[in-house]
Amino acid sequence: HMPGLRENALIPDDAGYVFPTGKYFADLHCLFE
């Protein structure tokens, strides 16, 4: 229930769907793994 967004929306619906992670990829990969 993010502030200002509909239920079970993490980001605004018009923000897009695909985001390059760049320098954050290694950290994200570590967390997922």
Full PDB file with SEQRES, HELIX, SHEET, SSBOND, CRYST1, ORIGX, SCALE, CONECT and MASTER records, all heavy atoms in Angstrom:
SEQRES   1 A   33  HIS MET PRO GLY LEU ARG GLU ASN ALA LEU ILE PRO ASP          
SEQRES   2 A   33  ASP ALA GLY TYR VAL PHE PRO THR GLY LYS TYR PHE ALA          
SEQRES   3 A   33  ASP LEU HIS CYS LEU PHE GLU                                  
HELIX    1 AA1 GLY A   22  TYR A   24  5                                   3    
HELIX    2 AA2 PHE A   25  PHE A   32  1                                   8    
CRYST1    1.000    1.000    1.000  90.00  90.00  90.00 P 1           1          
ORIGX1      1.000000  0.000000  0.000000        0.00000                         
ORIGX2      0.000000  1.000000  0.000000        0.00000                         
ORIGX3      0.000000  0.000000  1.000000        0.00000                         
SCALE1      1.000000  0.000000  0.000000        0.00000                         
SCALE2      0.000000  1.000000  0.000000        0.00000                         
SCALE3      0.000000  0.000000  1.000000        0.00000                         
ATOM      1  N   HIS A   1       0.870  -1.179   0.000  1.00  0.00           N  
ATOM      2  CA  HIS A   1       0.000   0.000   0.000  1.00  0.00           C  
ATOM      3  C   HIS A   1       0.906   1.228   0.000  1.00  0.00           C  
ATOM      4  O   HIS A   1       1.009   1.956   0.991  1.00  0.00           O  
ATOM      5  CB  HIS A   1      -0.919   0.013   1.222  1.00  0.00           C  
ATOM      6  CG  HIS A   1      -1.915  -1.108   1.249  1.00  0.00           C  
ATOM      7  ND1 HIS A   1      -1.595  -2.392   1.653  1.00  0.00           N  
ATOM      8  CD2 HIS A   1      -3.222  -1.145   0.890  1.00  0.00           C  
ATOM      9  CE1 HIS A   1      -2.669  -3.160   1.570  1.00  0.00           C  
ATOM     10  NE2 HIS A   1      -3.665  -2.431   1.116  1.00  0.00           N  
ATOM     11  N   MET A   2       1.593   1.454  -1.112  1.00  0.00           N  
ATOM     12  CA  MET A   2       2.522   2.574  -1.186  1.00  0.00           C  
ATOM     13  C   MET A   2       1.752   3.897  -1.199  1.00  0.00           C  
ATOM     14  O   MET A   2       0.686   3.996  -1.831  1.00  0.00           O  
ATOM     15  CB  MET A   2       3.378   2.460  -2.449  1.00  0.00           C  
ATOM     16  CG  MET A   2       4.214   1.185  -2.515  1.00  0.00           C  
ATOM     17  SD  MET A   2       5.485   1.113  -1.232  1.00  0.00           S  
ATOM     18  CE  MET A   2       6.631   2.349  -1.844  1.00  0.00           C  
ATOM     19  N   PRO A   3       2.277   4.920  -0.511  1.00  0.00           N  
ATOM     20  CA  PRO A   3       1.579   6.210  -0.430  1.00  0.00           C  
ATOM     21  C   PRO A   3       1.247   6.774  -1.817  1.00  0.00           C  
ATOM     22  O   PRO A   3       2.112   6.873  -2.684  1.00  0.00           O  
ATOM     23  CB  PRO A   3       2.588   7.108   0.294  1.00  0.00           C  
ATOM     24  CG  PRO A   3       3.447   6.165   1.079  1.00  0.00           C  
ATOM     25  CD  PRO A   3       3.550   4.932   0.245  1.00  0.00           C  
ATOM     26  N   GLY A   4      -0.019   7.120  -2.007  1.00  0.00           N  
ATOM     27  CA  GLY A   4      -0.440   7.754  -3.246  1.00  0.00           C  
ATOM     28  C   GLY A   4      -0.661   6.812  -4.412  1.00  0.00           C  
ATOM     29  O   GLY A   4      -1.032   7.261  -5.504  1.00  0.00           O  
ATOM     30  N   LEU A   5      -0.446   5.495  -4.220  1.00  0.00           N  
ATOM     31  CA  LEU A   5      -0.611   4.539  -5.313  1.00  0.00           C  
ATOM     32  C   LEU A   5      -1.727   3.553  -4.996  1.00  0.00           C  
ATOM     33  O   LEU A   5      -2.100   3.359  -3.839  1.00  0.00           O  
ATOM     34  CB  LEU A   5       0.696   3.759  -5.545  1.00  0.00           C  
ATOM     35  CG  LEU A   5       1.947   4.575  -5.875  1.00  0.00           C  
ATOM     36  CD1 LEU A   5       3.132   3.646  -6.111  1.00  0.00           C  
ATOM     37  CD2 LEU A   5       1.715   5.459  -7.092  1.00  0.00           C  
ATOM     38  N   ARG A   6      -2.235   2.922  -6.041  1.00  0.00           N  
ATOM     39  CA  ARG A   6      -3.272   1.908  -5.834  1.00  0.00           C  
ATOM     40  C   ARG A   6      -2.682   0.683  -5.122  1.00  0.00           C  
ATOM     41  O   ARG A   6      -1.464   0.501  -5.070  1.00  0.00           O  
ATOM     42  CB  ARG A   6      -3.899   1.494  -7.170  1.00  0.00           C  
ATOM     43  CG  ARG A   6      -2.937   0.830  -8.152  1.00  0.00           C  
ATOM     44  CD  ARG A   6      -3.635   0.556  -9.474  1.00  0.00           C  
ATOM     45  NE  ARG A   6      -2.731   0.012 -10.492  1.00  0.00           N  
ATOM     46  CZ  ARG A   6      -2.482  -1.280 -10.671  1.00  0.00           C  
ATOM     47  NH1 ARG A   6      -3.056  -2.170  -9.875  1.00  0.00           N  
ATOM     48  NH2 ARG A   6      -1.653  -1.690 -11.622  1.00  0.00           N  
ATOM     49  N   GLU A   7      -3.539  -0.154  -4.597  1.00  0.00           N  
ATOM     50  CA  GLU A   7      -3.083  -1.333  -3.877  1.00  0.00           C  
ATOM     51  C   GLU A   7      -2.247  -2.232  -4.790  1.00  0.00           C  
ATOM     52  O   GLU A   7      -2.576  -2.454  -5.949  1.00  0.00           O  
ATOM     53  CB  GLU A   7      -4.293  -2.113  -3.345  1.00  0.00           C  
ATOM     54  CG  GLU A   7      -3.933  -3.302  -2.473  1.00  0.00           C  
ATOM     55  CD  GLU A   7      -5.147  -3.991  -1.885  1.00  0.00           C  
ATOM     56  OE1 GLU A   7      -6.273  -3.514  -2.127  1.00  0.00           O  
ATOM     57  OE2 GLU A   7      -4.968  -5.012  -1.189  1.00  0.00           O  
ATOM     58  N   ASN A   8      -1.165  -2.740  -4.229  1.00  0.00           N  
ATOM     59  CA  ASN A   8      -0.234  -3.624  -4.941  1.00  0.00           C  
ATOM     60  C   ASN A   8       0.321  -2.989  -6.223  1.00  0.00           C  
ATOM     61  O   ASN A   8       0.406  -3.617  -7.268  1.00  0.00           O  
ATOM     62  CB  ASN A   8      -0.878  -4.984  -5.220  1.00  0.00           C  
ATOM     63  CG  ASN A   8      -0.960  -5.830  -3.955  1.00  0.00           C  
ATOM     64  OD1 ASN A   8       0.010  -5.925  -3.203  1.00  0.00           O  
ATOM     65  ND2 ASN A   8      -2.115  -6.427  -3.711  1.00  0.00           N  
ATOM     66  N   ALA A   9       0.684  -1.731  -6.080  1.00  0.00           N  
ATOM     67  CA  ALA A   9       1.499  -1.036  -7.091  1.00  0.00           C  
ATOM     68  C   ALA A   9       2.720  -0.515  -6.357  1.00  0.00           C  
ATOM     69  O   ALA A   9       2.590   0.201  -5.359  1.00  0.00           O  
ATOM     70  CB  ALA A   9       0.721   0.098  -7.742  1.00  0.00           C  
ATOM     71  N   LEU A  10       3.893  -0.893  -6.823  1.00  0.00           N  
ATOM     72  CA  LEU A  10       5.128  -0.436  -6.174  1.00  0.00           C  
ATOM     73  C   LEU A  10       5.556   0.925  -6.690  1.00  0.00           C  
ATOM     74  O   LEU A  10       6.124   1.732  -5.953  1.00  0.00           O  
ATOM     75  CB  LEU A  10       6.247  -1.458  -6.415  1.00  0.00           C  
ATOM     76  CG  LEU A  10       7.612  -1.132  -5.800  1.00  0.00           C  
ATOM     77  CD1 LEU A  10       7.520  -1.074  -4.269  1.00  0.00           C  
ATOM     78  CD2 LEU A  10       8.659  -2.155  -6.229  1.00  0.00           C  
ATOM     79  N   ILE A  11       5.281   1.181  -7.969  1.00  0.00           N  
ATOM     80  CA  ILE A  11       5.640   2.449  -8.607  1.00  0.00           C  
ATOM     81  C   ILE A  11       4.417   2.965  -9.356  1.00  0.00           C  
ATOM     82  O   ILE A  11       3.473   2.195  -9.609  1.00  0.00           O  
ATOM     83  CB  ILE A  11       6.840   2.271  -9.568  1.00  0.00           C  
ATOM     84  CG1 ILE A  11       6.502   1.263 -10.676  1.00  0.00           C  
ATOM     85  CG2 ILE A  11       8.081   1.835  -8.808  1.00  0.00           C  
ATOM     86  CD1 ILE A  11       7.593   1.097 -11.718  1.00  0.00           C  
ATOM     87  N   PRO A  12       4.396   4.235  -9.740  1.00  0.00           N  
ATOM     88  CA  PRO A  12       3.245   4.739 -10.507  1.00  0.00           C  
ATOM     89  C   PRO A  12       3.036   3.934 -11.789  1.00  0.00           C  
ATOM     90  O   PRO A  12       4.001   3.476 -12.418  1.00  0.00           O  
ATOM     91  CB  PRO A  12       3.630   6.189 -10.807  1.00  0.00           C  
ATOM     92  CG  PRO A  12       4.579   6.560  -9.718  1.00  0.00           C  
ATOM     93  CD  PRO A  12       5.359   5.307  -9.413  1.00  0.00           C  
ATOM     94  N   ASP A  13       1.795   3.771 -12.192  1.00  0.00           N  
ATOM     95  CA  ASP A  13       1.478   2.970 -13.368  1.00  0.00           C  
ATOM     96  C   ASP A  13       2.044   3.563 -14.653  1.00  0.00           C  
ATOM     97  O   ASP A  13       2.229   2.838 -15.632  1.00  0.00           O  
ATOM     98  CB  ASP A  13      -0.041   2.794 -13.499  1.00  0.00           C  
ATOM     99  CG  ASP A  13      -0.596   1.834 -12.454  1.00  0.00           C  
ATOM    100  OD1 ASP A  13       0.012   0.769 -12.250  1.00  0.00           O  
ATOM    101  OD2 ASP A  13      -1.631   2.145 -11.837  1.00  0.00           O  
ATOM    102  N   ASP A  14       2.325   4.861 -14.658  1.00  0.00           N  
ATOM    103  CA  ASP A  14       2.867   5.480 -15.870  1.00  0.00           C  
ATOM    104  C   ASP A  14       4.390   5.615 -15.830  1.00  0.00           C  
ATOM    105  O   ASP A  14       4.986   6.291 -16.663  1.00  0.00           O  
ATOM    106  CB  ASP A  14       2.231   6.847 -16.110  1.00  0.00           C  
ATOM    107  CG  ASP A  14       2.481   7.824 -14.956  1.00  0.00           C  
ATOM    108  OD1 ASP A  14       3.102   7.418 -13.946  1.00  0.00           O  
ATOM    109  OD2 ASP A  14       2.057   8.985 -15.064  1.00  0.00           O  
ATOM    110  N   ALA A  15       5.042   4.946 -14.854  1.00  0.00           N  
ATOM    111  CA  ALA A  15       6.490   5.083 -14.707  1.00  0.00           C  
ATOM    112  C   ALA A  15       7.272   4.176 -15.642  1.00  0.00           C  
ATOM    113  O   ALA A  15       8.482   4.306 -15.765  1.00  0.00           O  
ATOM    114  CB  ALA A  15       6.903   4.798 -13.261  1.00  0.00           C  
ATOM    115  N   GLY A  16       6.588   3.257 -16.293  1.00  0.00           N  
ATOM    116  CA  GLY A  16       7.268   2.312 -17.172  1.00  0.00           C  
ATOM    117  C   GLY A  16       7.373   0.940 -16.533  1.00  0.00           C  
ATOM    118  O   GLY A  16       6.907   0.715 -15.404  1.00  0.00           O  
ATOM    119  N   TYR A  17       8.015   0.018 -17.249  1.00  0.00           N  
ATOM    120  CA  TYR A  17       8.111  -1.366 -16.791  1.00  0.00           C  
ATOM    121  C   TYR A  17       9.543  -1.886 -16.768  1.00  0.00           C  
ATOM    122  O   TYR A  17       9.852  -2.813 -16.040  1.00  0.00           O  
ATOM    123  CB  TYR A  17       7.288  -2.279 -17.707  1.00  0.00           C  
ATOM    124  CG  TYR A  17       5.867  -1.819 -17.926  1.00  0.00           C  
ATOM    125  CD1 TYR A  17       5.491  -1.191 -19.114  1.00  0.00           C  
ATOM    126  CD2 TYR A  17       4.900  -1.994 -16.939  1.00  0.00           C  
ATOM    127  CE1 TYR A  17       4.190  -0.762 -19.317  1.00  0.00           C  
ATOM    128  CE2 TYR A  17       3.592  -1.569 -17.136  1.00  0.00           C  
ATOM    129  CZ  TYR A  17       3.245  -0.950 -18.329  1.00  0.00           C  
ATOM    130  OH  TYR A  17       1.965  -0.517 -18.517  1.00  0.00           O  
ATOM    131  N   VAL A  18      10.421  -1.327 -17.583  1.00  0.00           N  
ATOM    132  CA  VAL A  18      11.782  -1.844 -17.749  1.00  0.00           C  
ATOM    133  C   VAL A  18      12.784  -0.765 -17.328  1.00  0.00           C  
ATOM    134  O   VAL A  18      12.754   0.350 -17.851  1.00  0.00           O  
ATOM    135  CB  VAL A  18      12.046  -2.268 -19.211  1.00  0.00           C  
ATOM    136  CG1 VAL A  18      13.448  -2.846 -19.345  1.00  0.00           C  
ATOM    137  CG2 VAL A  18      11.001  -3.282 -19.667  1.00  0.00           C  
ATOM    138  N   PHE A  19      13.678  -1.136 -16.395  1.00  0.00           N  
ATOM    139  CA  PHE A  19      14.622  -0.171 -15.840  1.00  0.00           C  
ATOM    140  C   PHE A  19      16.029  -0.764 -15.854  1.00  0.00           C  
ATOM    141  O   PHE A  19      16.260  -1.810 -15.238  1.00  0.00           O  
ATOM    142  CB  PHE A  19      14.237   0.183 -14.398  1.00  0.00           C  
ATOM    143  CG  PHE A  19      12.851   0.734 -14.262  1.00  0.00           C  
ATOM    144  CD1 PHE A  19      11.763  -0.119 -14.071  1.00  0.00           C  
ATOM    145  CD2 PHE A  19      12.614   2.100 -14.341  1.00  0.00           C  
ATOM    146  CE1 PHE A  19      10.474   0.380 -13.956  1.00  0.00           C  
ATOM    147  CE2 PHE A  19      11.329   2.611 -14.219  1.00  0.00           C  
ATOM    148  CZ  PHE A  19      10.259   1.749 -14.037  1.00  0.00           C  
ATOM    149  N   PRO A  20      16.994  -0.126 -16.526  1.00  0.00           N  
ATOM    150  CA  PRO A  20      18.391  -0.582 -16.462  1.00  0.00           C  
ATOM    151  C   PRO A  20      18.910  -0.414 -15.028  1.00  0.00           C  
ATOM    152  O   PRO A  20      18.715   0.635 -14.412  1.00  0.00           O  
ATOM    153  CB  PRO A  20      19.123   0.344 -17.425  1.00  0.00           C  
ATOM    154  CG  PRO A  20      18.046   0.993 -18.255  1.00  0.00           C  
ATOM    155  CD  PRO A  20      16.825   1.052 -17.397  1.00  0.00           C  
ATOM    156  N   THR A  21      19.577  -1.432 -14.489  1.00  0.00           N  
ATOM    157  CA  THR A  21      20.035  -1.364 -13.096  1.00  0.00           C  
ATOM    158  C   THR A  21      21.427  -0.751 -12.972  1.00  0.00           C  
ATOM    159  O   THR A  21      21.796  -0.287 -11.893  1.00  0.00           O  
ATOM    160  CB  THR A  21      20.045  -2.756 -12.462  1.00  0.00           C  
ATOM    161  OG1 THR A  21      20.858  -3.634 -13.265  1.00  0.00           O  
ATOM    162  CG2 THR A  21      18.638  -3.314 -12.369  1.00  0.00           C  
ATOM    163  N   GLY A  22      22.232  -0.780 -14.047  1.00  0.00           N  
ATOM    164  CA  GLY A  22      23.552  -0.161 -14.001  1.00  0.00           C  
ATOM    165  C   GLY A  22      24.395  -0.639 -12.829  1.00  0.00           C  
ATOM    166  O   GLY A  22      24.561  -1.845 -12.609  1.00  0.00           O  
ATOM    167  N   LYS A  23      24.893   0.308 -12.029  1.00  0.00           N  
ATOM    168  CA  LYS A  23      25.807  -0.035 -10.934  1.00  0.00           C  
ATOM    169  C   LYS A  23      25.119  -0.807  -9.815  1.00  0.00           C  
ATOM    170  O   LYS A  23      25.800  -1.369  -8.932  1.00  0.00           O  
ATOM    171  CB  LYS A  23      26.419   1.243 -10.358  1.00  0.00           C  
ATOM    172  CG  LYS A  23      25.405   2.176  -9.690  1.00  0.00           C  
ATOM    173  CD  LYS A  23      26.087   3.433  -9.158  1.00  0.00           C  
ATOM    174  CE  LYS A  23      25.079   4.353  -8.458  1.00  0.00           C  
ATOM    175  NZ  LYS A  23      25.733   5.583  -7.939  1.00  0.00           N  
ATOM    176  N   TYR A  24      23.778  -0.882  -9.821  1.00  0.00           N  
ATOM    177  CA  TYR A  24      23.058  -1.590  -8.765  1.00  0.00           C  
ATOM    178  C   TYR A  24      22.836  -3.068  -9.093  1.00  0.00           C  
ATOM    179  O   TYR A  24      22.299  -3.811  -8.268  1.00  0.00           O  
ATOM    180  CB  TYR A  24      21.703  -0.924  -8.507  1.00  0.00           C  
ATOM    181  CG  TYR A  24      21.818   0.511  -8.042  1.00  0.00           C  
ATOM    182  CD1 TYR A  24      21.531   1.563  -8.907  1.00  0.00           C  
ATOM    183  CD2 TYR A  24      22.215   0.820  -6.747  1.00  0.00           C  
ATOM    184  CE1 TYR A  24      21.646   2.882  -8.492  1.00  0.00           C  
ATOM    185  CE2 TYR A  24      22.326   2.138  -6.328  1.00  0.00           C  
ATOM    186  CZ  TYR A  24      22.041   3.165  -7.201  1.00  0.00           C  
ATOM    187  OH  TYR A  24      22.156   4.463  -6.785  1.00  0.00           O  
ATOM    188  N   PHE A  25      23.233  -3.494 -10.287  1.00  0.00           N  
ATOM    189  CA  PHE A  25      22.932  -4.869 -10.705  1.00  0.00           C  
ATOM    190  C   PHE A  25      23.535  -5.905  -9.749  1.00  0.00           C  
ATOM    191  O   PHE A  25      22.845  -6.858  -9.348  1.00  0.00           O  
ATOM    192  CB  PHE A  25      23.435  -5.134 -12.127  1.00  0.00           C  
ATOM    193  CG  PHE A  25      23.255  -6.573 -12.551  1.00  0.00           C  
ATOM    194  CD1 PHE A  25      22.012  -7.035 -12.954  1.00  0.00           C  
ATOM    195  CD2 PHE A  25      24.321  -7.463 -12.514  1.00  0.00           C  
ATOM    196  CE1 PHE A  25      21.831  -8.356 -13.334  1.00  0.00           C  
ATOM    197  CE2 PHE A  25      24.151  -8.786 -12.886  1.00  0.00           C  
ATOM    198  CZ  PHE A  25      22.906  -9.245 -13.301  1.00  0.00           C  
ATOM    199  N   ALA A  26      24.810  -5.751  -9.391  1.00  0.00           N  
ATOM    200  CA  ALA A  26      25.470  -6.759  -8.551  1.00  0.00           C  
ATOM    201  C   ALA A  26      24.764  -6.917  -7.210  1.00  0.00           C  
ATOM    202  O   ALA A  26      24.563  -8.048  -6.732  1.00  0.00           O  
ATOM    203  CB  ALA A  26      26.943  -6.384  -8.343  1.00  0.00           C  
ATOM    204  N   ASP A  27      24.367  -5.795  -6.594  1.00  0.00           N  
ATOM    205  CA  ASP A  27      23.672  -5.874  -5.304  1.00  0.00           C  
ATOM    206  C   ASP A  27      22.311  -6.538  -5.458  1.00  0.00           C  
ATOM    207  O   ASP A  27      21.918  -7.375  -4.631  1.00  0.00           O  
ATOM    208  CB  ASP A  27      23.496  -4.475  -4.715  1.00  0.00           C  
ATOM    209  CG  ASP A  27      24.821  -3.864  -4.249  1.00  0.00           C  
ATOM    210  OD1 ASP A  27      25.789  -4.628  -4.067  1.00  0.00           O  
ATOM    211  OD2 ASP A  27      24.874  -2.629  -4.094  1.00  0.00           O  
ATOM    212  N   LEU A  28      21.578  -6.158  -6.495  1.00  0.00           N  
ATOM    213  CA  LEU A  28      20.273  -6.767  -6.729  1.00  0.00           C  
ATOM    214  C   LEU A  28      20.413  -8.262  -6.993  1.00  0.00           C  
ATOM    215  O   LEU A  28      19.655  -9.081  -6.450  1.00  0.00           O  
ATOM    216  CB  LEU A  28      19.580  -6.089  -7.918  1.00  0.00           C  
ATOM    217  CG  LEU A  28      19.010  -4.698  -7.646  1.00  0.00           C  
ATOM    218  CD1 LEU A  28      18.672  -4.007  -8.961  1.00  0.00           C  
ATOM    219  CD2 LEU A  28      17.767  -4.788  -6.774  1.00  0.00           C  
ATOM    220  N   HIS A  29      21.376  -8.624  -7.819  1.00  0.00           N  
ATOM    221  CA  HIS A  29      21.600 -10.033  -8.130  1.00  0.00           C  
ATOM    222  C   HIS A  29      21.908 -10.821  -6.862  1.00  0.00           C  
ATOM    223  O   HIS A  29      21.396 -11.937  -6.654  1.00  0.00           O  
ATOM    224  CB  HIS A  29      22.747 -10.171  -9.135  1.00  0.00           C  
ATOM    225  CG  HIS A  29      22.981 -11.576  -9.593  1.00  0.00           C  
ATOM    226  ND1 HIS A  29      23.789 -12.461  -8.901  1.00  0.00           N  
ATOM    227  CD2 HIS A  29      22.499 -12.260 -10.665  1.00  0.00           C  
ATOM    228  CE1 HIS A  29      23.806 -13.620  -9.523  1.00  0.00           C  
ATOM    229  NE2 HIS A  29      23.033 -13.529 -10.592  1.00  0.00           N  
ATOM    230  N   CYS A  30      22.734 -10.251  -5.991  1.00  0.00           N  
ATOM    231  CA  CYS A  30      23.086 -10.910  -4.738  1.00  0.00           C  
ATOM    232  C   CYS A  30      21.858 -11.146  -3.868  1.00  0.00           C  
ATOM    233  O   CYS A  30      21.681 -12.221  -3.290  1.00  0.00           O  
ATOM    234  CB  CYS A  30      24.119 -10.074  -3.986  1.00  0.00           C  
ATOM    235  SG  CYS A  30      24.708 -10.821  -2.458  1.00  0.00           S  
ATOM    236  N   LEU A  31      20.982 -10.147  -3.772  1.00  0.00           N  
ATOM    237  CA  LEU A  31      19.775 -10.280  -2.952  1.00  0.00           C  
ATOM    238  C   LEU A  31      18.828 -11.335  -3.526  1.00  0.00           C  
ATOM    239  O   LEU A  31      18.327 -12.198  -2.791  1.00  0.00           O  
ATOM    240  CB  LEU A  31      19.069  -8.925  -2.850  1.00  0.00           C  
ATOM    241  CG  LEU A  31      19.756  -7.882  -1.977  1.00  0.00           C  
ATOM    242  CD1 LEU A  31      19.148  -6.495  -2.210  1.00  0.00           C  
ATOM    243  CD2 LEU A  31      19.648  -8.263  -0.502  1.00  0.00           C  
ATOM    244  N   PHE A  32      18.570 -11.282  -4.829  1.00  0.00           N  
ATOM    245  CA  PHE A  32      17.705 -12.287  -5.459  1.00  0.00           C  
ATOM    246  C   PHE A  32      18.277 -13.696  -5.244  1.00  0.00           C  
ATOM    247  O   PHE A  32      17.551 -14.626  -4.857  1.00  0.00           O  
ATOM    248  CB  PHE A  32      17.593 -12.016  -6.959  1.00  0.00           C  
ATOM    249  CG  PHE A  32      16.532 -11.042  -7.364  1.00  0.00           C  
ATOM    250  CD1 PHE A  32      16.849  -9.733  -7.694  1.00  0.00           C  
ATOM    251  CD2 PHE A  32      15.197 -11.426  -7.443  1.00  0.00           C  
ATOM    252  CE1 PHE A  32      15.874  -8.829  -8.094  1.00  0.00           C  
ATOM    253  CE2 PHE A  32      14.215 -10.533  -7.853  1.00  0.00           C  
ATOM    254  CZ  PHE A  32      14.558  -9.230  -8.172  1.00  0.00           C  
ATOM    255  N   GLU A  33      19.573 -13.838  -5.524  1.00  0.00           N  
ATOM    256  CA  GLU A  33      20.205 -15.153  -5.446  1.00  0.00           C  
ATOM    257  C   GLU A  33      20.176 -15.704  -4.022  1.00  0.00           C  
ATOM    258  O   GLU A  33      19.902 -16.884  -3.787  1.00  0.00           O  
ATOM    259  CB  GLU A  33      21.648 -15.048  -5.960  1.00  0.00           C  
ATOM    260  CG  GLU A  33      22.360 -16.390  -6.150  1.00  0.00           C  
ATOM    261  CD  GLU A  33      22.999 -16.891  -4.874  1.00  0.00           C  
ATOM    262  OE1 GLU A  33      23.344 -16.062  -4.007  1.00  0.00           O  
ATOM    263  OE2 GLU A  33      23.159 -18.132  -4.734  1.00  0.00           O  
TER     264      GLU A  33                                                      
MASTER        0    0    0    2    0    0    0    6  263    1    0    3          
END                                                                             
